[in-house]
C-alpha atoms as a PDB file:
ATOM      1  CA  MET A   1      -8.226  -3.592  27.618  1.00  0.00           C
ATOM      2  CA  ILE A   2      -4.619  -3.875  26.528  1.00  0.00           C
ATOM      3  CA  GLU A   3      -3.386  -7.197  27.816  1.00  0.00           C
ATOM      4  CA  GLY A   4      -1.418 -10.363  27.014  1.00  0.00           C
ATOM      5  CA  THR A   5       1.234 -11.001  24.437  1.00  0.00           C
ATOM      6  CA  ILE A   6       1.664  -7.994  22.091  1.00  0.00           C
ATOM      7  CA  PRO A   7       4.352  -8.077  19.396  1.00  0.00           C
ATOM      8  CA  ALA A   8       6.450  -4.885  18.965  1.00  0.00           C
ATOM      9  CA  LEU A   9       5.730  -5.347  15.281  1.00  0.00           C
ATOM     10  CA  LEU A  10       8.486  -5.509  12.787  1.00  0.00           C
ATOM     11  CA  THR A  11       8.021  -3.410   9.675  1.00  0.00           C
ATOM     12  CA  PRO A  12       9.029  -5.349   6.475  1.00  0.00           C
ATOM     13  CA  LEU A  13      11.023  -3.188   4.012  1.00  0.00           C
ATOM     14  CA  ALA A  14      11.935  -3.755   0.423  1.00  0.00           C
ATOM     15  CA  ALA A  15      15.552  -4.262  -0.572  1.00  0.00           C
ATOM     16  CA  GLY A  16      17.801  -1.598   0.811  1.00  0.00           C
ATOM     17  CA  GLY A  17      15.014  -0.324   3.042  1.00  0.00           C
ATOM     18  CA  SER A  18      13.679   1.736   0.141  1.00  0.00           C
ATOM     19  CA  GLU A  19       9.972   1.426   0.945  1.00  0.00           C
ATOM     20  CA  VAL A  20       7.513  -0.379   3.287  1.00  0.00           C
ATOM     21  CA  ASP A  21       6.477  -3.840   2.106  1.00  0.00           C
ATOM     22  CA  LEU A  22       2.829  -3.622   2.831  1.00  0.00           C
ATOM     23  CA  ASP A  23       2.052  -7.070   1.373  1.00  0.00           C
ATOM     24  CA  GLY A  24       4.673  -8.451   3.708  1.00  0.00           C
ATOM     25  CA  LEU A  25       3.113  -6.607   6.565  1.00  0.00           C
ATOM     26  CA  ASP A  26      -0.192  -8.257   5.759  1.00  0.00           C
ATOM     27  CA  GLU A  27       1.345 -11.734   5.708  1.00  0.00           C
ATOM     28  CA  HIS A  28       3.245 -11.209   8.924  1.00  0.00           C
ATOM     29  CA  VAL A  29       0.173 -10.012  10.800  1.00  0.00           C
ATOM     30  CA  ALA A  30      -1.906 -12.951   9.335  1.00  0.00           C
ATOM     31  CA  TRP A  31       0.784 -15.330  10.616  1.00  0.00           C
ATOM     32  CA  LEU A  32       0.675 -13.748  14.106  1.00  0.00           C
ATOM     33  CA  ALA A  33      -3.166 -13.917  14.134  1.00  0.00           C
ATOM     34  CA  GLU A  34      -2.918 -17.624  13.388  1.00  0.00           C
ATOM     35  CA  HIS A  35      -0.717 -18.043  16.350  1.00  0.00           C
ATOM     36  CA  GLY A  36      -3.079 -16.465  18.731  1.00  0.00           C
ATOM     37  CA  VAL A  37      -2.010 -12.794  18.717  1.00  0.00           C
ATOM     38  CA  ARG A  38      -4.871 -10.370  19.126  1.00  0.00           C
ATOM     39  CA  CYS A  39      -3.001  -7.051  19.414  1.00  0.00           C
ATOM     40  CA  VAL A  40       0.197  -5.653  17.825  1.00  0.00           C
ATOM     41  CA  SER A  41       2.061  -2.394  18.492  1.00  0.00           C
ATOM     42  CA  PRO A  42       3.397  -1.092  15.161  1.00  0.00           C
ATOM     43  CA  LEU A  43       5.918   1.753  14.548  1.00  0.00           C
ATOM     44  CA  GLY A  44       7.821   1.570  17.798  1.00  0.00           C
ATOM     45  CA  SER A  45      11.597   1.165  18.141  1.00  0.00           C
ATOM     46  CA  THR A  46      11.519  -2.570  16.833  1.00  0.00           C
ATOM     47  CA  GLY A  47       9.227  -1.337  14.062  1.00  0.00           C
ATOM     48  CA  GLU A  48      11.637   1.309  12.872  1.00  0.00           C
ATOM     49  CA  GLY A  49       9.028   3.910  13.436  1.00  0.00           C
ATOM     50  CA  PRO A  50      11.553   6.708  13.766  1.00  0.00           C
ATOM     51  CA  SER A  51      13.051   5.885  10.430  1.00  0.00           C
ATOM     52  CA  LEU A  52       9.775   6.143   8.589  1.00  0.00           C
ATOM     53  CA  SER A  53       8.154   9.336   7.276  1.00  0.00           C
ATOM     54  CA  LEU A  54       4.820  10.491   8.667  1.00  0.00           C
ATOM     55  CA  SER A  55       3.131   9.380   5.372  1.00  0.00           C
ATOM     56  CA  GLU A  56       4.729   6.055   5.561  1.00  0.00           C
ATOM     57  CA  ARG A  57       3.586   5.638   9.105  1.00  0.00           C
ATOM     58  CA  MET A  58       0.079   6.522   8.242  1.00  0.00           C
ATOM     59  CA  ARG A  59       0.106   4.067   5.260  1.00  0.00           C
ATOM     60  CA  VAL A  60       1.190   1.261   7.653  1.00  0.00           C
ATOM     61  CA  LEU A  61      -1.556   2.109  10.079  1.00  0.00           C
ATOM     62  CA  GLU A  62      -4.169   2.303   7.189  1.00  0.00           C
ATOM     63  CA  ARG A  63      -3.119  -1.024   5.896  1.00  0.00           C
ATOM     64  CA  LEU A  64      -3.225  -2.659   9.385  1.00  0.00           C
ATOM     65  CA  GLY A  65      -6.644  -1.020  10.050  1.00  0.00           C
ATOM     66  CA  ARG A  66      -8.052  -2.988   6.991  1.00  0.00           C
ATOM     67  CA  HIS A  67      -6.382  -6.300   7.934  1.00  0.00           C
ATOM     68  CA  PRO A  68      -8.923  -9.109   7.751  1.00  0.00           C
ATOM     69  CA  SER A  69      -7.853 -10.424  11.186  1.00  0.00           C
ATOM     70  CA  ARG A  70      -9.268  -7.207  12.706  1.00  0.00           C
ATOM     71  CA  ILE A  71      -6.217  -7.305  14.911  1.00  0.00           C
ATOM     72  CA  ALA A  72      -6.134  -4.523  17.611  1.00  0.00           C
ATOM     73  CA  LEU A  73      -3.477  -1.825  17.192  1.00  0.00           C
ATOM     74  CA  LEU A  74      -1.506   0.001  19.907  1.00  0.00           C
ATOM     75  CA  ALA A  75       0.221   2.491  17.508  1.00  0.00           C
ATOM     76  CA  GLY A  76       3.505   4.132  18.150  1.00  0.00           C
ATOM     77  CA  THR A  77       3.049   7.772  17.451  1.00  0.00           C
ATOM     78  CA  GLY A  78       5.754   9.581  19.225  1.00  0.00           C
ATOM     79  CA  CYS A  79       7.900  12.105  17.254  1.00  0.00           C
ATOM     80  CA  THR A  80      10.324  14.753  18.369  1.00  0.00           C
ATOM     81  CA  SER A  81       8.044  17.438  16.997  1.00  0.00           C
ATOM     82  CA  LEU A  82       4.949  17.798  19.180  1.00  0.00           C
ATOM     83  CA  PRO A  83       2.815  18.901  16.227  1.00  0.00           C
ATOM     84  CA  GLU A  84       3.742  15.800  14.228  1.00  0.00           C
ATOM     85  CA  THR A  85       2.976  13.676  17.229  1.00  0.00           C
ATOM     86  CA  ILE A  86      -0.496  15.217  17.417  1.00  0.00           C
ATOM     87  CA  GLU A  87      -0.996  14.869  13.674  1.00  0.00           C
ATOM     88  CA  LEU A  88      -0.025  11.165  13.632  1.00  0.00           C
ATOM     89  CA  SER A  89      -1.949  10.398  16.796  1.00  0.00           C
ATOM     90  CA  ARG A  90      -5.158  12.019  15.369  1.00  0.00           C
ATOM     91  CA  GLY A  91      -4.796  10.118  12.117  1.00  0.00           C
ATOM     92  CA  ALA A  92      -4.293   6.836  14.045  1.00  0.00           C
ATOM     93  CA  LEU A  93      -7.429   7.429  16.145  1.00  0.00           C
ATOM     94  CA  GLU A  94      -9.413   8.138  12.987  1.00  0.00           C
ATOM     95  CA  LEU A  95      -8.487   4.637  11.888  1.00  0.00           C
ATOM     96  CA  GLY A  96      -9.769   3.120  15.099  1.00  0.00           C
ATOM     97  CA  VAL A  97      -6.652   2.062  16.813  1.00  0.00           C
ATOM     98  CA  ALA A  98      -7.079   0.677  20.356  1.00  0.00           C
ATOM     99  CA  GLY A  99      -4.548   3.012  21.792  1.00  0.00           C
ATOM    100  CA  LEU A 100      -1.383   5.094  21.354  1.00  0.00           C
ATOM    101  CA  LEU A 101       2.133   4.328  22.524  1.00  0.00           C
ATOM    102  CA  VAL A 102       4.088   7.571  22.752  1.00  0.00           C
ATOM    103  CA  ALA A 103       7.722   7.990  23.399  1.00  0.00           C
ATOM    104  CA  PRO A 104       8.972  11.352  24.631  1.00  0.00           C
ATOM    105  CA  PRO A 105      10.933  13.583  22.270  1.00  0.00           C
ATOM    106  CA  SER A 106      14.563  12.847  21.825  1.00  0.00           C
ATOM    107  CA  TYR A 107      17.563  15.008  20.749  1.00  0.00           C
ATOM    108  CA  TYR A 108      17.272  17.727  23.326  1.00  0.00           C
ATOM    109  CA  ALA A 109      18.313  17.552  26.899  1.00  0.00           C
ATOM    110  CA  VAL A 110      14.765  17.385  28.421  1.00  0.00           C
ATOM    111  CA  THR A 111      13.677  18.004  32.023  1.00  0.00           C
ATOM    112  CA  THR A 112      10.963  16.074  33.734  1.00  0.00           C
ATOM    113  CA  ALA A 113       8.788  19.219  33.599  1.00  0.00           C
ATOM    114  CA  GLY A 114       9.401  19.479  29.786  1.00  0.00           C
ATOM    115  CA  THR A 115       8.422  15.816  29.328  1.00  0.00           C
ATOM    116  CA  THR A 116       5.341  16.327  31.380  1.00  0.00           C
ATOM    117  CA  ALA A 117       4.332  19.380  29.430  1.00  0.00           C
ATOM    118  CA  TYR A 118       4.858  17.524  26.090  1.00  0.00           C
ATOM    119  CA  PHE A 119       2.523  14.750  27.148  1.00  0.00           C
ATOM    120  CA  THR A 120       0.004  17.256  28.607  1.00  0.00           C
ATOM    121  CA  ARG A 121      -0.153  19.230  25.421  1.00  0.00           C
ATOM    122  CA  LEU A 122      -0.617  15.895  23.501  1.00  0.00           C
ATOM    123  CA  LEU A 123      -3.461  14.969  25.736  1.00  0.00           C
ATOM    124  CA  ASP A 124      -5.102  18.294  25.472  1.00  0.00           C
ATOM    125  CA  ALA A 125      -5.121  17.848  21.616  1.00  0.00           C
ATOM    126  CA  LEU A 126      -6.860  14.377  21.770  1.00  0.00           C
ATOM    127  CA  PRO A 127     -10.228  13.190  22.805  1.00  0.00           C
ATOM    128  CA  ALA A 128     -10.537  12.489  26.576  1.00  0.00           C
ATOM    129  CA  ASP A 129     -11.278   8.810  26.323  1.00  0.00           C
ATOM    130  CA  VAL A 130      -8.199   7.909  24.191  1.00  0.00           C
ATOM    131  CA  GLN A 131      -5.992   5.207  25.763  1.00  0.00           C
ATOM    132  CA  VAL A 132      -2.562   6.718  25.764  1.00  0.00           C
ATOM    133  CA  PHE A 133       0.498   4.835  27.041  1.00  0.00           C
ATOM    134  CA  VAL A 134       3.803   6.689  27.731  1.00  0.00           C
ATOM    135  CA  TYR A 135       6.903   4.915  26.538  1.00  0.00           C
ATOM    136  CA  HIS A 136       9.982   4.657  28.886  1.00  0.00           C
ATOM    137  CA  ILE A 137      12.988   3.637  26.767  1.00  0.00           C
ATOM    138  CA  PRO A 138      15.831   5.973  27.859  1.00  0.00           C
ATOM    139  CA  SER A 139      18.536   3.873  26.212  1.00  0.00           C
ATOM    140  CA  LEU A 140      17.174   5.137  22.824  1.00  0.00           C
ATOM    141  CA  THR A 141      15.415   8.397  23.670  1.00  0.00           C
ATOM    142  CA  GLY A 142      17.743   9.615  26.288  1.00  0.00           C
ATOM    143  CA  VAL A 143      14.750  10.804  28.087  1.00  0.00           C
ATOM    144  CA  PRO A 144      13.339   8.814  30.951  1.00  0.00           C
ATOM    145  CA  ILE A 145       9.807   8.778  32.072  1.00  0.00           C
ATOM    146  CA  GLU A 146       9.869   9.706  35.723  1.00  0.00           C
ATOM    147  CA  ASP A 147       7.305   8.913  38.466  1.00  0.00           C
ATOM    148  CA  GLU A 148       6.593  12.618  38.776  1.00  0.00           C
ATOM    149  CA  THR A 149       5.286  12.600  35.151  1.00  0.00           C
ATOM    150  CA  LEU A 150       3.191   9.549  35.751  1.00  0.00           C
ATOM    151  CA  ARG A 151       1.661  11.160  38.849  1.00  0.00           C
ATOM    152  CA  ALA A 152       1.129  14.456  37.067  1.00  0.00           C
ATOM    153  CA  LEU A 153      -0.651  12.867  34.151  1.00  0.00           C
ATOM    154  CA  GLY A 154      -2.659  10.599  36.383  1.00  0.00           C
ATOM    155  CA  PRO A 155      -5.929   9.362  35.100  1.00  0.00           C
ATOM    156  CA  ARG A 156      -5.491  11.042  31.819  1.00  0.00           C
ATOM    157  CA  ILE A 157      -3.226   8.175  30.616  1.00  0.00           C
ATOM    158  CA  ALA A 158      -3.983   4.474  30.457  1.00  0.00           C
ATOM    159  CA  GLY A 159      -0.535   3.329  31.452  1.00  0.00           C
ATOM    160  CA  ALA A 160       3.175   3.005  30.461  1.00  0.00           C
ATOM    161  CA  LYS A 161       5.504   0.732  28.710  1.00  0.00           C
ATOM    162  CA  ASP A 162       8.751   0.129  30.559  1.00  0.00           C
ATOM    163  CA  SER A 163      11.656  -0.798  28.310  1.00  0.00           C
ATOM    164  CA  GLY A 164      14.201   0.421  30.682  1.00  0.00           C
ATOM    165  CA  GLY A 165      15.867  -2.970  31.216  1.00  0.00           C
ATOM    166  CA  ASP A 166      15.323  -3.051  35.014  1.00  0.00           C
ATOM    167  CA  PRO A 167      12.728  -5.669  36.039  1.00  0.00           C
ATOM    168  CA  ALA A 168      12.653  -4.179  39.652  1.00  0.00           C
ATOM    169  CA  HIS A 169      11.708  -0.793  38.192  1.00  0.00           C
ATOM    170  CA  THR A 170       8.909  -2.397  36.196  1.00  0.00           C
ATOM    171  CA  ALA A 171       7.672  -4.238  39.343  1.00  0.00           C
ATOM    172  CA  ARG A 172       7.784  -1.031  41.318  1.00  0.00           C
ATOM    173  CA  TRP A 173       5.633   0.739  38.663  1.00  0.00           C
ATOM    174  CA  VAL A 174       3.119  -2.056  38.834  1.00  0.00           C
ATOM    175  CA  ARG A 175       2.999  -1.686  42.646  1.00  0.00           C
ATOM    176  CA  ASP A 176       3.186   2.096  42.930  1.00  0.00           C
ATOM    177  CA  HIS A 177       0.706   2.933  40.117  1.00  0.00           C
ATOM    178  CA  PRO A 178      -2.155   0.449  40.512  1.00  0.00           C
ATOM    179  CA  GLY A 179      -4.445   2.668  38.401  1.00  0.00           C
ATOM    180  CA  LEU A 180      -2.233   2.297  35.324  1.00  0.00           C
ATOM    181  CA  THR A 181      -1.569  -0.608  32.991  1.00  0.00           C
ATOM    182  CA  ILE A 182       2.164  -1.193  33.154  1.00  0.00           C
ATOM    183  CA  LEU A 183       3.489  -3.002  29.935  1.00  0.00           C
ATOM    184  CA  SER A 184       6.790  -4.789  30.140  1.00  0.00           C
ATOM    185  CA  GLY A 185       9.177  -4.384  27.158  1.00  0.00           C
ATOM    186  CA  SER A 186      11.432  -7.146  28.202  1.00  0.00           C
ATOM    187  CA  ASP A 187      11.336 -10.718  26.802  1.00  0.00           C
ATOM    188  CA  ALA A 188      13.939 -11.721  29.372  1.00  0.00           C
ATOM    189  CA  ALA A 189      11.814 -10.694  32.291  1.00  0.00           C
ATOM    190  CA  ALA A 190       8.296 -11.587  31.267  1.00  0.00           C
ATOM    191  CA  ALA A 191       7.816 -14.169  33.988  1.00  0.00           C
ATOM    192  CA  ALA A 192       8.819 -11.648  36.695  1.00  0.00           C
ATOM    193  CA  HIS A 193       6.502  -9.120  35.258  1.00  0.00           C
ATOM    194  CA  TYR A 194       3.514 -11.422  35.307  1.00  0.00           C
ATOM    195  CA  ALA A 195       4.379 -12.723  38.743  1.00  0.00           C
ATOM    196  CA  ALA A 196       4.407  -9.080  40.010  1.00  0.00           C
ATOM    197  CA  GLY A 197       0.916  -8.559  38.831  1.00  0.00           C
ATOM    198  CA  GLY A 198       1.600  -7.152  35.251  1.00  0.00           C
ATOM    199  CA  ARG A 199      -1.073  -7.843  32.580  1.00  0.00           C
ATOM    200  CA  ALA A 200       0.808  -7.455  29.282  1.00  0.00           C
ATOM    201  CA  THR A 201       4.045  -7.464  27.472  1.00  0.00           C
ATOM    202  CA  ILE A 202       5.169  -5.674  24.286  1.00  0.00           C
ATOM    203  CA  THR A 203       8.268  -7.304  23.007  1.00  0.00           C
ATOM    204  CA  MET A 204      10.322  -7.997  20.010  1.00  0.00           C
ATOM    205  CA  LEU A 205      10.423 -11.807  20.336  1.00  0.00           C
ATOM    206  CA  ALA A 206       6.670 -11.848  20.320  1.00  0.00           C
ATOM    207  CA  ASN A 207       7.097 -11.274  16.494  1.00  0.00           C
ATOM    208  CA  ILE A 208       8.728 -14.734  16.300  1.00  0.00           C
ATOM    209  CA  VAL A 209       7.649 -16.967  19.230  1.00  0.00           C
ATOM    210  CA  PRO A 210       4.460 -15.497  20.647  1.00  0.00           C
ATOM    211  CA  GLY A 211       3.516 -18.878  21.999  1.00  0.00           C
ATOM    212  CA  GLU A 212       6.460 -18.891  24.466  1.00  0.00           C
ATOM    213  CA  LEU A 213       5.243 -15.674  25.885  1.00  0.00           C
ATOM    214  CA  ASP A 214       1.714 -16.869  26.228  1.00  0.00           C
ATOM    215  CA  ARG A 215       2.830 -20.008  28.146  1.00  0.00           C
ATOM    216  CA  ILE A 216       4.635 -17.617  30.631  1.00  0.00           C
ATOM    217  CA  ARG A 217       1.538 -15.515  31.016  1.00  0.00           C
ATOM    218  CA  GLN A 218      -0.799 -18.403  31.587  1.00  0.00           C
ATOM    219  CA  ASP A 219       1.350 -19.716  34.551  1.00  0.00           C
ATOM    220  CA  PRO A 220       4.366 -17.441  35.301  1.00  0.00           C
ATOM    221  CA  GLY A 221       5.468 -19.636  38.209  1.00  0.00           C
ATOM    222  CA  GLY A 222       5.079 -22.996  36.475  1.00  0.00           C
ATOM    223  CA  THR A 223       7.728 -25.346  35.191  1.00  0.00           C
ATOM    224  CA  GLU A 224       6.863 -24.908  31.539  1.00  0.00           C
ATOM    225  CA  ALA A 225       6.968 -21.087  31.976  1.00  0.00           C
ATOM    226  CA  GLY A 226      10.381 -21.449  33.488  1.00  0.00           C
ATOM    227  CA  HIS A 227      11.577 -23.319  30.443  1.00  0.00           C
ATOM    228  CA  ALA A 228      10.019 -20.728  28.069  1.00  0.00           C
ATOM    229  CA  GLN A 229      11.554 -17.827  29.991  1.00  0.00           C
ATOM    230  CA  GLU A 230      15.047 -19.521  29.812  1.00  0.00           C
ATOM    231  CA  PHE A 231      14.587 -20.020  26.041  1.00  0.00           C
ATOM    232  CA  LEU A 232      13.526 -16.307  25.452  1.00  0.00           C
ATOM    233  CA  ALA A 233      16.355 -14.992  27.584  1.00  0.00           C
ATOM    234  CA  ALA A 234      18.830 -17.045  25.521  1.00  0.00           C
ATOM    235  CA  VAL A 235      17.336 -15.830  22.173  1.00  0.00           C
ATOM    236  CA  ARG A 236      17.326 -12.201  23.367  1.00  0.00           C
ATOM    237  CA  ALA A 237      20.978 -12.452  24.295  1.00  0.00           C
ATOM    238  CA  LEU A 238      21.761 -14.064  20.965  1.00  0.00           C
ATOM    239  CA  VAL A 239      20.005 -11.355  19.052  1.00  0.00           C
ATOM    240  CA  GLY A 240      21.998  -8.789  21.074  1.00  0.00           C
ATOM    241  CA  GLU A 241      25.106 -10.037  19.508  1.00  0.00           C
ATOM    242  CA  PHE A 242      24.098  -9.021  15.989  1.00  0.00           C
ATOM    243  CA  PRO A 243      22.505  -6.059  14.256  1.00  0.00           C
ATOM    244  CA  ARG A 244      19.143  -6.417  16.194  1.00  0.00           C
ATOM    245  CA  HIS A 245      16.555  -5.552  13.600  1.00  0.00           C
ATOM    246  CA  ALA A 246      18.171  -7.482  10.791  1.00  0.00           C
ATOM    247  CA  ALA A 247      18.570 -10.517  13.151  1.00  0.00           C
ATOM    248  CA  LEU A 248      14.996 -10.350  14.167  1.00  0.00           C
ATOM    249  CA  LYS A 249      13.813 -10.127  10.569  1.00  0.00           C
ATOM    250  CA  HIS A 250      15.903 -13.135   9.616  1.00  0.00           C
ATOM    251  CA  LEU A 251      14.599 -15.125  12.555  1.00  0.00           C
ATOM    252  CA  LEU A 252      10.966 -14.355  11.579  1.00  0.00           C
ATOM    253  CA  HIS A 253      11.924 -15.725   8.118  1.00  0.00           C
ATOM    254  CA  LEU A 254      13.456 -18.985   9.532  1.00  0.00           C
ATOM    255  CA  VAL A 255      10.397 -19.505  11.915  1.00  0.00           C
ATOM    256  CA  SER A 256       7.466 -18.532   9.677  1.00  0.00           C
ATOM    257  CA  GLY A 257       8.727 -19.151   6.228  1.00  0.00           C
ATOM    258  CA  LEU A 258       7.739 -15.576   5.276  1.00  0.00           C
ATOM    259  CA  PRO A 259      10.139 -13.684   2.974  1.00  0.00           C
ATOM    260  CA  ARG A 260      13.152 -12.114   4.632  1.00  0.00           C
ATOM    261  CA  SER A 261      12.913  -8.292   4.570  1.00  0.00           C
ATOM    262  CA  SER A 262      15.448  -5.586   4.809  1.00  0.00           C
ATOM    263  CA  VAL A 263      16.201  -2.779   7.256  1.00  0.00           C
ATOM    264  CA  ARG A 264      16.577   0.957   6.522  1.00  0.00           C
ATOM    265  CA  PRO A 265      19.854   2.796   7.007  1.00  0.00           C
ATOM    266  CA  PRO A 266      21.333   3.811   9.488  1.00  0.00           C
ATOM    267  CA  LEU A 267      20.570   0.225  10.732  1.00  0.00           C
ATOM    268  CA  ASP A 268      22.980  -2.473   9.508  1.00  0.00           C
ATOM    269  CA  GLU A 269      22.045  -5.651   7.581  1.00  0.00           C
ATOM    270  CA  LEU A 270      23.589  -9.024   8.571  1.00  0.00           C
ATOM    271  CA  THR A 271      26.734 -10.064   6.761  1.00  0.00           C
ATOM    272  CA  PRO A 272      26.698 -13.540   5.290  1.00  0.00           C
ATOM    273  CA  GLU A 273      28.917 -14.753   8.117  1.00  0.00           C
ATOM    274  CA  GLN A 274      26.573 -13.320  10.695  1.00  0.00           C
ATOM    275  CA  THR A 275      23.612 -14.853   9.012  1.00  0.00           C
ATOM    276  CA  ASN A 276      25.110 -18.344   9.084  1.00  0.00           C
ATOM    277  CA  ALA A 277      26.195 -17.856  12.724  1.00  0.00           C
ATOM    278  CA  LEU A 278      22.782 -16.659  13.739  1.00  0.00           C
ATOM    279  CA  GLU A 279      20.946 -19.570  11.994  1.00  0.00           C
ATOM    280  CA  THR A 280      23.232 -22.185  13.543  1.00  0.00           C
ATOM    281  CA  ARG A 281      22.977 -20.939  17.137  1.00  0.00           C
ATOM    282  CA  PHE A 282      19.185 -20.363  16.891  1.00  0.00           C
ATOM    283  CA  THR A 283      18.633 -23.794  15.579  1.00  0.00           C
ATOM    284  CA  THR A 284      20.685 -25.122  18.434  1.00  0.00           C
ATOM    285  CA  LEU A 285      18.625 -23.179  20.959  1.00  0.00           C
ATOM    286  CA  ARG A 286      15.301 -24.438  19.438  1.00  0.00           C
ATOM    287  CA  GLY A 287      16.516 -27.881  19.509  1.00  0.00           C
ATOM    288  CA  GLU A 288      17.497 -27.689  23.193  1.00  0.00           C
ATOM    289  CA  ARG A 289      13.996 -26.146  23.865  1.00  0.00           C
END
């Protein structure tokens, strides 16, 4: 079962984003495993999956599949091209991933019927027992996952990740689709998600402070969970003031001591001034925590 705190795994890249740093990937996952993480979700939006080639994405999955921690993988395999999504999904399954997280195709103006047909064709091309989670992140894809699609796919999917930014929408999905596992993509709304009956979060800050999310999961209505939620919301807001991916990678470096990695264009790196400001303000938030 997919549950608990799942980092939307960052992908470490060499200088200039020239290639994936597989050794850095190993080190990051080892650090997460030491901090209690049992499942990661690589190659999603936080992991710069859309910026990587199919061969790069497969190399990431192959490396993670051999990791000594035996950490479970919920692999991001969505592509605009349906044949590429099928190819990457099949490759991921051959490596023994726990499940697939699939965003709808972007670029085109897509109808709900088109989105449903895309996922239906994907499911038809995969074994029946695969755990597929559809990925609702319309701010990036421009294509929402509608309730009509969830109902049409029904028991053929395991669940959905909601990164739409509306906690009420996520809570309604939990209530209205009890047969599905609804994953929250919001660090700022983790407590609300667990209080509404949610079982898992896939978030960017789980790369850096997974313990804070675990505290919320264990007792979402408790005082300690409230403090943790306030801290996560403040850090999420801080990251939003900077180039997000570069800020996350720098915060991981600060917290873990792992080498700082680059992002790949078109994403922006932090300027020296931004780096100093991010460090100062994050250190203040941690001190207040």
